[in-house]
C-alpha atoms as a PDB file:
ATOM      1  CA  UNK A   1       0.000   0.000   0.000  1.00  0.00           C
ATOM      2  CA  UNK A   2       1.363   3.411  -0.675  1.00  0.00           C
ATOM      3  CA  UNK A   3       1.485   4.957   2.763  1.00  0.00           C
ATOM      4  CA  UNK A   4       3.674   7.625   4.291  1.00  0.00           C
ATOM      5  CA  UNK A   5       6.740   7.538   6.415  1.00  0.00           C
ATOM      6  CA  UNK A   6       6.005   7.214  10.109  1.00  0.00           C
ATOM      7  CA  UNK A   7       2.409   6.484  11.006  1.00  0.00           C
ATOM      8  CA  UNK A   8       1.883   3.672   8.540  1.00  0.00           C
ATOM      9  CA  UNK A   9       2.136   1.299  11.445  1.00  0.00           C
ATOM     10  CA  UNK A  10      -1.104   2.941  12.859  1.00  0.00           C
ATOM     11  CA  UNK A  11      -2.899   2.958   9.483  1.00  0.00           C
ATOM     12  CA  UNK A  12      -3.786  -0.568   9.600  1.00  0.00           C
ATOM     13  CA  UNK A  13      -5.337  -2.318  12.489  1.00  0.00           C
ATOM     14  CA  UNK A  14      -3.187  -4.989  11.214  1.00  0.00           C
ATOM     15  CA  UNK A  15       0.170  -3.363  12.186  1.00  0.00           C
ATOM     16  CA  UNK A  16       2.262  -6.295  13.330  1.00  0.00           C
ATOM     17  CA  UNK A  17       4.088  -6.827  16.607  1.00  0.00           C
ATOM     18  CA  UNK A  18       7.804  -7.071  15.914  1.00  0.00           C
ATOM     19  CA  UNK A  19       8.779  -9.950  18.122  1.00  0.00           C
ATOM     20  CA  UNK A  20      10.720 -12.120  15.665  1.00  0.00           C
ATOM     21  CA  UNK A  21       8.409 -14.986  16.591  1.00  0.00           C
ATOM     22  CA  UNK A  22       6.955 -16.516  13.433  1.00  0.00           C
ATOM     23  CA  UNK A  23       3.844 -17.884  15.094  1.00  0.00           C
ATOM     24  CA  UNK A  24       2.899 -14.552  16.693  1.00  0.00           C
ATOM     25  CA  UNK A  25       3.509 -12.621  13.473  1.00  0.00           C
ATOM     26  CA  UNK A  26       1.272 -14.961  11.471  1.00  0.00           C
ATOM     27  CA  UNK A  27      -1.560 -14.580  13.999  1.00  0.00           C
ATOM     28  CA  UNK A  28      -1.282 -10.809  13.884  1.00  0.00           C
ATOM     29  CA  UNK A  29      -1.367 -10.759  10.081  1.00  0.00           C
ATOM     30  CA  UNK A  30      -4.614 -12.743  10.179  1.00  0.00           C
ATOM     31  CA  UNK A  31      -6.080 -10.332  12.767  1.00  0.00           C
ATOM     32  CA  UNK A  32      -5.064  -7.304  10.674  1.00  0.00           C
ATOM     33  CA  UNK A  33      -6.680  -8.811   7.569  1.00  0.00           C
ATOM     34  CA  UNK A  34      -9.933  -9.318   9.463  1.00  0.00           C
ATOM     35  CA  UNK A  35      -9.854  -5.726  10.739  1.00  0.00           C
ATOM     36  CA  UNK A  36      -9.265  -4.351   7.240  1.00  0.00           C
ATOM     37  CA  UNK A  37     -12.106  -6.406   5.768  1.00  0.00           C
ATOM     38  CA  UNK A  38     -14.407  -5.122   8.508  1.00  0.00           C
ATOM     39  CA  UNK A  39     -13.378  -1.543   7.752  1.00  0.00           C
ATOM     40  CA  UNK A  40     -14.085  -1.993   4.038  1.00  0.00           C
ATOM     41  CA  UNK A  41     -17.601  -3.143   4.922  1.00  0.00           C
ATOM     42  CA  UNK A  42     -18.075  -0.100   7.164  1.00  0.00           C
ATOM     43  CA  UNK A  43     -16.989   2.276   4.386  1.00  0.00           C
ATOM     44  CA  UNK A  44     -19.309   0.654   1.841  1.00  0.00           C
ATOM     45  CA  UNK A  45     -22.230   0.700   4.255  1.00  0.00           C
ATOM     46  CA  UNK A  46     -21.659   4.393   4.997  1.00  0.00           C
ATOM     47  CA  UNK A  47     -21.684   5.174   1.284  1.00  0.00           C
ATOM     48  CA  UNK A  48     -24.929   3.260   0.745  1.00  0.00           C
ATOM     49  CA  UNK A  49     -26.592   4.995   3.698  1.00  0.00           C
ATOM     50  CA  UNK A  50     -25.580   8.360   2.290  1.00  0.00           C
ATOM     51  CA  UNK A  51     -27.155   7.592  -1.074  1.00  0.00           C
ATOM     52  CA  UNK A  52     -30.324   6.338   0.601  1.00  0.00           C
ATOM     53  CA  UNK A  53     -30.646   9.555   2.594  1.00  0.00           C
ATOM     54  CA  UNK A  54     -30.230  11.632  -0.553  1.00  0.00           C
ATOM     55  CA  UNK A  55     -32.913   9.651  -2.360  1.00  0.00           C
ATOM     56  CA  UNK A  56     -35.252  10.048   0.596  1.00  0.00           C
ATOM     57  CA  UNK A  57     -34.608  13.787   0.686  1.00  0.00           C
ATOM     58  CA  UNK A  58     -35.392  13.978  -3.022  1.00  0.00           C
ATOM     59  CA  UNK A  59     -38.739  12.253  -2.483  1.00  0.00           C
ATOM     60  CA  UNK A  60     -37.590   8.967  -3.957  1.00  0.00           C
ATOM     61  CA  UNK A  61     -36.603  10.500  -7.290  1.00  0.00           C
ATOM     62  CA  UNK A  62     -33.345   9.555  -8.998  1.00  0.00           C
ATOM     63  CA  UNK A  63     -30.442  11.815  -8.074  1.00  0.00           C
ATOM     64  CA  UNK A  64     -27.418  12.269 -10.314  1.00  0.00           C
ATOM     65  CA  UNK A  65     -23.833  11.982  -9.092  1.00  0.00           C
ATOM     66  CA  UNK A  66     -23.298  15.746  -9.310  1.00  0.00           C
ATOM     67  CA  UNK A  67     -26.388  16.392  -7.191  1.00  0.00           C
ATOM     68  CA  UNK A  68     -25.298  13.714  -4.721  1.00  0.00           C
ATOM     69  CA  UNK A  69     -21.933  15.382  -4.250  1.00  0.00           C
ATOM     70  CA  UNK A  70     -23.564  18.771  -3.896  1.00  0.00           C
ATOM     71  CA  UNK A  71     -25.722  17.702  -0.974  1.00  0.00           C
ATOM     72  CA  UNK A  72     -23.728  17.909   2.239  1.00  0.00           C
ATOM     73  CA  UNK A  73     -25.743  15.395   4.225  1.00  0.00           C
ATOM     74  CA  UNK A  74     -23.126  13.356   6.065  1.00  0.00           C
ATOM     75  CA  UNK A  75     -20.327  15.093   7.948  1.00  0.00           C
ATOM     76  CA  UNK A  76     -17.848  13.004   9.911  1.00  0.00           C
ATOM     77  CA  UNK A  77     -17.350  14.959  13.132  1.00  0.00           C
ATOM     78  CA  UNK A  78     -14.033  13.190  13.656  1.00  0.00           C
ATOM     79  CA  UNK A  79     -12.721  14.650  10.391  1.00  0.00           C
ATOM     80  CA  UNK A  80     -13.492  18.395  10.168  1.00  0.00           C
ATOM     81  CA  UNK A  81     -10.637  18.960   7.694  1.00  0.00           C
ATOM     82  CA  UNK A  82     -11.665  16.230   5.267  1.00  0.00           C
ATOM     83  CA  UNK A  83     -11.279  18.343   2.115  1.00  0.00           C
ATOM     84  CA  UNK A  84      -7.637  19.083   2.916  1.00  0.00           C
ATOM     85  CA  UNK A  85      -6.968  15.612   4.309  1.00  0.00           C
ATOM     86  CA  UNK A  86      -8.180  13.966   1.098  1.00  0.00           C
ATOM     87  CA  UNK A  87      -5.691  15.932  -0.985  1.00  0.00           C
ATOM     88  CA  UNK A  88      -2.880  15.045   1.398  1.00  0.00           C
ATOM     89  CA  UNK A  89      -3.913  11.388   1.296  1.00  0.00           C
ATOM     90  CA  UNK A  90      -3.715  11.444  -2.508  1.00  0.00           C
ATOM     91  CA  UNK A  91      -0.219  12.916  -2.271  1.00  0.00           C
ATOM     92  CA  UNK A  92       0.938  10.352   0.295  1.00  0.00           C
ATOM     93  CA  UNK A  93      -0.581   7.395  -1.578  1.00  0.00           C
ATOM     94  CA  UNK A  94      -0.076   8.322  -5.214  1.00  0.00           C
ATOM     95  CA  UNK A  95       3.291  10.068  -4.942  1.00  0.00           C
ATOM     96  CA  UNK A  96       5.302   9.311  -1.790  1.00  0.00           C
ATOM     97  CA  UNK A  97       4.266   5.702  -1.453  1.00  0.00           C
ATOM     98  CA  UNK A  98       4.231   4.918  -5.158  1.00  0.00           C
ATOM     99  CA  UNK A  99       7.667   6.306  -5.952  1.00  0.00           C
ATOM    100  CA  UNK A 100       9.522   6.037  -2.626  1.00  0.00           C
ATOM    101  CA  UNK A 101       8.129   3.883   0.156  1.00  0.00           C
ATOM    102  CA  UNK A 102       6.694   0.932  -1.740  1.00  0.00           C
ATOM    103  CA  UNK A 103       9.809   0.317  -3.878  1.00  0.00           C
ATOM    104  CA  UNK A 104      11.913   0.366  -0.708  1.00  0.00           C
ATOM    105  CA  UNK A 105       9.503  -2.015   1.012  1.00  0.00           C
ATOM    106  CA  UNK A 106       9.550  -4.433  -1.918  1.00  0.00           C
ATOM    107  CA  UNK A 107      13.348  -4.423  -2.000  1.00  0.00           C
ATOM    108  CA  UNK A 108      13.489  -4.909   1.783  1.00  0.00           C
ATOM    109  CA  UNK A 109      11.142  -7.900   1.754  1.00  0.00           C
ATOM    110  CA  UNK A 110      12.581  -9.588  -1.351  1.00  0.00           C
ATOM    111  CA  UNK A 111      16.322  -9.065  -1.002  1.00  0.00           C
ATOM    112  CA  UNK A 112      17.094  -8.744   2.708  1.00  0.00           C
ATOM    113  CA  UNK A 113      17.415 -12.188   4.335  1.00  0.00           C
ATOM    114  CA  UNK A 114      14.684 -13.047   6.832  1.00  0.00           C
ATOM    115  CA  UNK A 115      17.051 -13.291   9.829  1.00  0.00           C
ATOM    116  CA  UNK A 116      18.335  -9.799   9.020  1.00  0.00           C
ATOM    117  CA  UNK A 117      14.767  -8.482   8.753  1.00  0.00           C
ATOM    118  CA  UNK A 118      13.961  -9.937  12.158  1.00  0.00           C
ATOM    119  CA  UNK A 119      17.109  -8.429  13.662  1.00  0.00           C
ATOM    120  CA  UNK A 120      16.341  -4.969  12.289  1.00  0.00           C
ATOM    121  CA  UNK A 121      12.773  -5.123  13.593  1.00  0.00           C
ATOM    122  CA  UNK A 122      13.930  -6.341  17.008  1.00  0.00           C
ATOM    123  CA  UNK A 123      16.522  -3.579  17.307  1.00  0.00           C
ATOM    124  CA  UNK A 124      14.063  -0.782  16.466  1.00  0.00           C
ATOM    125  CA  UNK A 125      11.366  -2.169  18.752  1.00  0.00           C
ATOM    126  CA  UNK A 126      13.809  -2.575  21.630  1.00  0.00           C
ATOM    127  CA  UNK A 127      14.492   1.170  21.504  1.00  0.00           C
ATOM    128  CA  UNK A 128      10.777   1.736  22.153  1.00  0.00           C
ATOM    129  CA  UNK A 129      10.522  -0.785  25.005  1.00  0.00           C
ATOM    130  CA  UNK A 130      11.177   1.741  27.828  1.00  0.00           C
ATOM    131  CA  UNK A 131       8.284   3.790  26.464  1.00  0.00           C
ATOM    132  CA  UNK A 132       6.059   0.730  26.771  1.00  0.00           C
ATOM    133  CA  UNK A 133       7.183   0.364  30.384  1.00  0.00           C
ATOM    134  CA  UNK A 134       6.381   3.999  31.215  1.00  0.00           C
ATOM    135  CA  UNK A 135       2.959   3.967  29.554  1.00  0.00           C
ATOM    136  CA  UNK A 136       1.969   0.642  31.103  1.00  0.00           C
ATOM    137  CA  UNK A 137       2.918   2.125  34.468  1.00  0.00           C
ATOM    138  CA  UNK A 138       0.865   5.273  33.866  1.00  0.00           C
ATOM    139  CA  UNK A 139      -2.123   3.115  32.938  1.00  0.00           C
ATOM    140  CA  UNK A 140      -1.824   1.087  36.128  1.00  0.00           C
ATOM    141  CA  UNK A 141      -0.627  -2.051  34.364  1.00  0.00           C
ATOM    142  CA  UNK A 142       2.218  -2.639  36.765  1.00  0.00           C
ATOM    143  CA  UNK A 143       2.910  -6.252  35.795  1.00  0.00           C
ATOM    144  CA  UNK A 144       3.188  -5.355  32.124  1.00  0.00           C
ATOM    145  CA  UNK A 145       5.399  -2.396  32.997  1.00  0.00           C
ATOM    146  CA  UNK A 146       7.754  -4.746  34.828  1.00  0.00           C
ATOM    147  CA  UNK A 147       7.800  -7.102  31.857  1.00  0.00           C
ATOM    148  CA  UNK A 148       8.688  -4.266  29.490  1.00  0.00           C
ATOM    149  CA  UNK A 149      11.515  -3.172  31.778  1.00  0.00           C
ATOM    150  CA  UNK A 150      12.824  -6.730  31.992  1.00  0.00           C
ATOM    151  CA  UNK A 151      12.583  -7.174  28.241  1.00  0.00           C
ATOM    152  CA  UNK A 152      14.643  -4.059  27.612  1.00  0.00           C
ATOM    153  CA  UNK A 153      17.375  -5.076  30.073  1.00  0.00           C
ATOM    154  CA  UNK A 154      17.579  -8.664  28.806  1.00  0.00           C
ATOM    155  CA  UNK A 155      17.465  -7.887  25.099  1.00  0.00           C
ATOM    156  CA  UNK A 156      19.872  -4.945  25.340  1.00  0.00           C
ATOM    157  CA  UNK A 157      22.474  -7.082  27.102  1.00  0.00           C
ATOM    158  CA  UNK A 158      22.058 -10.772  26.291  1.00  0.00           C
ATOM    159  CA  UNK A 159      20.279  -9.952  23.041  1.00  0.00           C
ATOM    160  CA  UNK A 160      23.115  -7.698  21.825  1.00  0.00           C
ATOM    161  CA  UNK A 161      21.430  -4.290  21.798  1.00  0.00           C
ATOM    162  CA  UNK A 162      18.090  -5.834  20.948  1.00  0.00           C
ATOM    163  CA  UNK A 163      19.082  -7.634  17.754  1.00  0.00           C
ATOM    164  CA  UNK A 164      17.833 -10.889  19.293  1.00  0.00           C
ATOM    165  CA  UNK A 165      14.584 -11.154  21.216  1.00  0.00           C
ATOM    166  CA  UNK A 166      15.922 -13.327  24.020  1.00  0.00           C
ATOM    167  CA  UNK A 167      13.163 -12.192  26.379  1.00  0.00           C
ATOM    168  CA  UNK A 168      10.499 -13.584  24.067  1.00  0.00           C
ATOM    169  CA  UNK A 169      12.290 -16.932  24.013  1.00  0.00           C
ATOM    170  CA  UNK A 170      12.174 -16.809  27.819  1.00  0.00           C
ATOM    171  CA  UNK A 171       8.406 -16.344  27.718  1.00  0.00           C
ATOM    172  CA  UNK A 172       8.342 -12.637  28.580  1.00  0.00           C
ATOM    173  CA  UNK A 173       5.676 -11.190  26.312  1.00  0.00           C
ATOM    174  CA  UNK A 174       5.725  -7.690  24.858  1.00  0.00           C
ATOM    175  CA  UNK A 175       2.857  -5.338  25.777  1.00  0.00           C
ATOM    176  CA  UNK A 176       2.900  -2.251  23.588  1.00  0.00           C
ATOM    177  CA  UNK A 177       1.430   0.934  25.020  1.00  0.00           C
ATOM    178  CA  UNK A 178       2.025   4.475  23.785  1.00  0.00           C
ATOM    179  CA  UNK A 179       1.239   7.857  25.291  1.00  0.00           C
ATOM    180  CA  UNK A 180      -1.666   8.362  22.914  1.00  0.00           C
ATOM    181  CA  UNK A 181      -3.295   5.282  24.438  1.00  0.00           C
ATOM    182  CA  UNK A 182      -2.417   6.538  27.917  1.00  0.00           C
ATOM    183  CA  UNK A 183      -4.217   9.810  27.248  1.00  0.00           C
ATOM    184  CA  UNK A 184      -7.200   7.906  25.838  1.00  0.00           C
ATOM    185  CA  UNK A 185      -7.434   5.813  29.012  1.00  0.00           C
ATOM    186  CA  UNK A 186      -7.316   9.053  31.001  1.00  0.00           C
ATOM    187  CA  UNK A 187     -10.312  10.345  29.048  1.00  0.00           C
ATOM    188  CA  UNK A 188      -8.566  12.721  26.639  1.00  0.00           C
ATOM    189  CA  UNK A 189     -10.449  12.992  23.359  1.00  0.00           C
ATOM    190  CA  UNK A 190      -8.978  12.311  19.933  1.00  0.00           C
ATOM    191  CA  UNK A 191      -9.265  15.796  18.534  1.00  0.00           C
ATOM    192  CA  UNK A 192      -9.475  16.214  14.752  1.00  0.00           C
ATOM    193  CA  UNK A 193      -8.340  13.460  12.402  1.00  0.00           C
ATOM    194  CA  UNK A 194      -5.330  14.585  10.377  1.00  0.00           C
ATOM    195  CA  UNK A 195      -3.511  13.312   7.301  1.00  0.00           C
ATOM    196  CA  UNK A 196       0.076  14.546   7.520  1.00  0.00           C
ATOM    197  CA  UNK A 197       2.358  14.635   4.443  1.00  0.00           C
ATOM    198  CA  UNK A 198       5.124  12.092   4.820  1.00  0.00           C
ATOM    199  CA  UNK A 199       3.661  10.990   8.157  1.00  0.00           C
ATOM    200  CA  UNK A 200       0.274   9.492   7.505  1.00  0.00           C
ATOM    201  CA  UNK A 201      -3.021   9.355   9.410  1.00  0.00           C
ATOM    202  CA  UNK A 202      -3.170  10.497  13.007  1.00  0.00           C
ATOM    203  CA  UNK A 203      -5.197  12.583  15.406  1.00  0.00           C
ATOM    204  CA  UNK A 204      -4.176  15.544  17.519  1.00  0.00           C
ATOM    205  CA  UNK A 205      -4.031  13.285  20.577  1.00  0.00           C
ATOM    206  CA  UNK A 206      -1.983  10.538  18.920  1.00  0.00           C
ATOM    207  CA  UNK A 207       0.361  13.030  17.275  1.00  0.00           C
ATOM    208  CA  UNK A 208       1.060  14.636  20.645  1.00  0.00           C
ATOM    209  CA  UNK A 209       1.496  11.168  22.141  1.00  0.00           C
ATOM    210  CA  UNK A 210       4.104  10.248  19.547  1.00  0.00           C
ATOM    211  CA  UNK A 211       6.072  13.367  20.419  1.00  0.00           C
ATOM    212  CA  UNK A 212       6.023  12.511  24.135  1.00  0.00           C
ATOM    213  CA  UNK A 213       7.107   8.925  23.438  1.00  0.00           C
ATOM    214  CA  UNK A 214      10.065  10.306  21.510  1.00  0.00           C
ATOM    215  CA  UNK A 215      11.263  12.088  24.653  1.00  0.00           C
ATOM    216  CA  UNK A 216      11.598   8.861  26.663  1.00  0.00           C
ATOM    217  CA  UNK A 217      14.984   7.144  27.111  1.00  0.00           C
ATOM    218  CA  UNK A 218      16.752   6.113  24.948  1.00  0.00           C
ATOM    219  CA  UNK A 219      14.933   7.776  22.037  1.00  0.00           C
ATOM    220  CA  UNK A 220      15.640  11.286  23.298  1.00  0.00           C
ATOM    221  CA  UNK A 221      19.355  10.551  22.928  1.00  0.00           C
ATOM    222  CA  UNK A 222      19.001  10.246  19.157  1.00  0.00           C
ATOM    223  CA  UNK A 223      19.840  13.390  17.211  1.00  0.00           C
ATOM    224  CA  UNK A 224      17.537  14.266  14.320  1.00  0.00           C
ATOM    225  CA  UNK A 225      19.415  12.304  11.592  1.00  0.00           C
ATOM    226  CA  UNK A 226      19.339   9.126  13.694  1.00  0.00           C
ATOM    227  CA  UNK A 227      15.726   9.708  14.728  1.00  0.00           C
ATOM    228  CA  UNK A 228      14.792  10.177  11.068  1.00  0.00           C
ATOM    229  CA  UNK A 229      16.677   7.010  10.118  1.00  0.00           C
ATOM    230  CA  UNK A 230      14.890   5.039  12.835  1.00  0.00           C
ATOM    231  CA  UNK A 231      11.514   6.347  11.666  1.00  0.00           C
ATOM    232  CA  UNK A 232      12.314   5.556   8.038  1.00  0.00           C
ATOM    233  CA  UNK A 233      13.426   1.987   8.748  1.00  0.00           C
ATOM    234  CA  UNK A 234      10.301   1.338  10.787  1.00  0.00           C
ATOM    235  CA  UNK A 235       8.146   2.745   7.987  1.00  0.00           C
ATOM    236  CA  UNK A 236       9.820   0.481   5.423  1.00  0.00           C
ATOM    237  CA  UNK A 237       9.397  -2.796   7.297  1.00  0.00           C
ATOM    238  CA  UNK A 238       5.849  -1.900   8.339  1.00  0.00           C
ATOM    239  CA  UNK A 239       5.012  -1.103   4.708  1.00  0.00           C
ATOM    240  CA  UNK A 240       6.542  -4.419   3.664  1.00  0.00           C
ATOM    241  CA  UNK A 241       4.172  -6.226   6.039  1.00  0.00           C
ATOM    242  CA  UNK A 242       1.188  -4.714   4.253  1.00  0.00           C
ATOM    243  CA  UNK A 243       2.079  -5.403   0.615  1.00  0.00           C
ATOM    244  CA  UNK A 244      -0.185  -8.450   0.429  1.00  0.00           C
ATOM    245  CA  UNK A 245      -3.166  -6.395   1.615  1.00  0.00           C
ATOM    246  CA  UNK A 246      -2.942  -3.599  -0.961  1.00  0.00           C
ATOM    247  CA  UNK A 247      -5.874  -5.063  -2.860  1.00  0.00           C
ATOM    248  CA  UNK A 248      -8.227  -4.040  -0.069  1.00  0.00           C
ATOM    249  CA  UNK A 249      -7.385  -0.388  -0.598  1.00  0.00           C
ATOM    250  CA  UNK A 250      -7.477  -0.630  -4.381  1.00  0.00           C
ATOM    251  CA  UNK A 251     -10.818  -2.432  -4.268  1.00  0.00           C
ATOM    252  CA  UNK A 252     -12.487  -0.110  -1.772  1.00  0.00           C
ATOM    253  CA  UNK A 253     -15.213   2.271  -2.930  1.00  0.00           C
ATOM    254  CA  UNK A 254     -13.394   5.172  -1.269  1.00  0.00           C
ATOM    255  CA  UNK A 255      -9.769   4.561  -0.283  1.00  0.00           C
ATOM    256  CA  UNK A 256      -9.683   7.653   1.928  1.00  0.00           C
ATOM    257  CA  UNK A 257     -12.683   6.527   3.991  1.00  0.00           C
ATOM    258  CA  UNK A 258     -11.311   2.981   4.102  1.00  0.00           C
ATOM    259  CA  UNK A 259      -7.970   4.114   5.524  1.00  0.00           C
ATOM    260  CA  UNK A 260      -9.674   6.383   8.049  1.00  0.00           C
ATOM    261  CA  UNK A 261     -11.912   3.591   9.317  1.00  0.00           C
ATOM    262  CA  UNK A 262      -8.936   1.215   9.522  1.00  0.00           C
ATOM    263  CA  UNK A 263      -7.065   3.819  11.544  1.00  0.00           C
ATOM    264  CA  UNK A 264      -9.855   4.322  14.072  1.00  0.00           C
ATOM    265  CA  UNK A 265     -10.586   0.596  14.379  1.00  0.00           C
ATOM    266  CA  UNK A 266      -6.919  -0.142  14.969  1.00  0.00           C
ATOM    267  CA  UNK A 267      -6.722   2.677  17.504  1.00  0.00           C
ATOM    268  CA  UNK A 268      -9.758   1.344  19.378  1.00  0.00           C
ATOM    269  CA  UNK A 269      -8.329  -2.190  19.225  1.00  0.00           C
ATOM    270  CA  UNK A 270      -5.084  -1.079  20.863  1.00  0.00           C
ATOM    271  CA  UNK A 271      -6.672   1.129  23.519  1.00  0.00           C
ATOM    272  CA  UNK A 272      -8.751  -1.830  24.734  1.00  0.00           C
ATOM    273  CA  UNK A 273      -5.848  -4.299  24.533  1.00  0.00           C
ATOM    274  CA  UNK A 274      -7.386  -6.266  21.693  1.00  0.00           C
ATOM    275  CA  UNK A 275     -10.858  -6.494  23.241  1.00  0.00           C
ATOM    276  CA  UNK A 276     -12.832  -3.449  22.090  1.00  0.00           C
ATOM    277  CA  UNK A 277     -16.360  -3.215  23.478  1.00  0.00           C
ATOM    278  CA  UNK A 278     -19.168  -4.239  21.168  1.00  0.00           C
ATOM    279  CA  UNK A 279     -21.495  -1.504  20.030  1.00  0.00           C
ATOM    280  CA  UNK A 280     -24.793  -1.751  21.858  1.00  0.00           C
ATOM    281  CA  UNK A 281     -27.816  -2.154  19.643  1.00  0.00           C
ATOM    282  CA  UNK A 282     -30.473   0.495  20.105  1.00  0.00           C
ATOM    283  CA  UNK A 283     -33.424  -0.889  22.072  1.00  0.00           C
ATOM    284  CA  UNK A 284     -36.811  -0.588  20.415  1.00  0.00           C
ATOM    285  CA  UNK A 285     -39.710   0.674  22.507  1.00  0.00           C
ATOM    286  CA  UNK A 286     -42.203  -2.152  22.951  1.00  0.00           C
ATOM    287  CA  UNK A 287     -45.104   0.325  22.961  1.00  0.00           C
ATOM    288  CA  UNK A 288     -43.945   1.535  19.553  1.00  0.00           C
ATOM    289  CA  UNK A 289     -43.971  -2.029  18.255  1.00  0.00           C
ATOM    290  CA  UNK A 290     -47.499  -2.495  19.589  1.00  0.00           C
ATOM    291  CA  UNK A 291     -48.631   0.592  17.692  1.00  0.00           C
ATOM    292  CA  UNK A 292     -47.165  -0.837  14.484  1.00  0.00           C
ATOM    293  CA  UNK A 293     -49.100  -4.057  14.999  1.00  0.00           C
END
């Protein structure tokens, strides 16, 4: 998929955990595929509902495409800057991804040996492990915070600066948490949805959270060239993970809406640790049903 440089890992609910464990990675790829398929259904349903509302407004008469576009019936309150965001999405997808990121991702996945790919992923993720420890602690997940601390110490030493995920082999699982999720747990709202050039989809809350995470040891020790290199490498291997799922974007009725829904579903999935609450169905008044009968 032609996504931008840093937040591609949040684009898809199917962003994979970089543990170097083949079994875990395969399970996550299946979960991400299911999330993306669900998002495509949501986008299609929203489009059909919009058309139905327009037809109803027009008294059941046929409405042309130009008239449909002219009627501003549905406004996504999460996305007040949609007109600008759509143009930026087109730039990220049709220019940056097409000519820069995707070719790099294809070369990475096809020519870099699998053990080297795993080592690169492990090294980058190990740099973020202290951030997981801090955010788990702030969310009251003390056991997971301790695991993240132990993982960082073990993998940085025995695992040779994180190139090998020794902690995973010892049964110490990774529990990713970022400051955006921490703010969500604390009740901070998303703020507007944004599509950033060369960065990808985010919200005001998640963008601020990414900045805070970058100030946690050892990431704050990286000067801007190294920080940019780290971000670029992560973007490349995350993009490589998603090559097989490009067809979902290409086949969607509206790629912009599809990506937005994937982003919010993935965000919700992570905030609730993989168990998002089910939407409650609206209860129908029994007296109303009696009147219908």
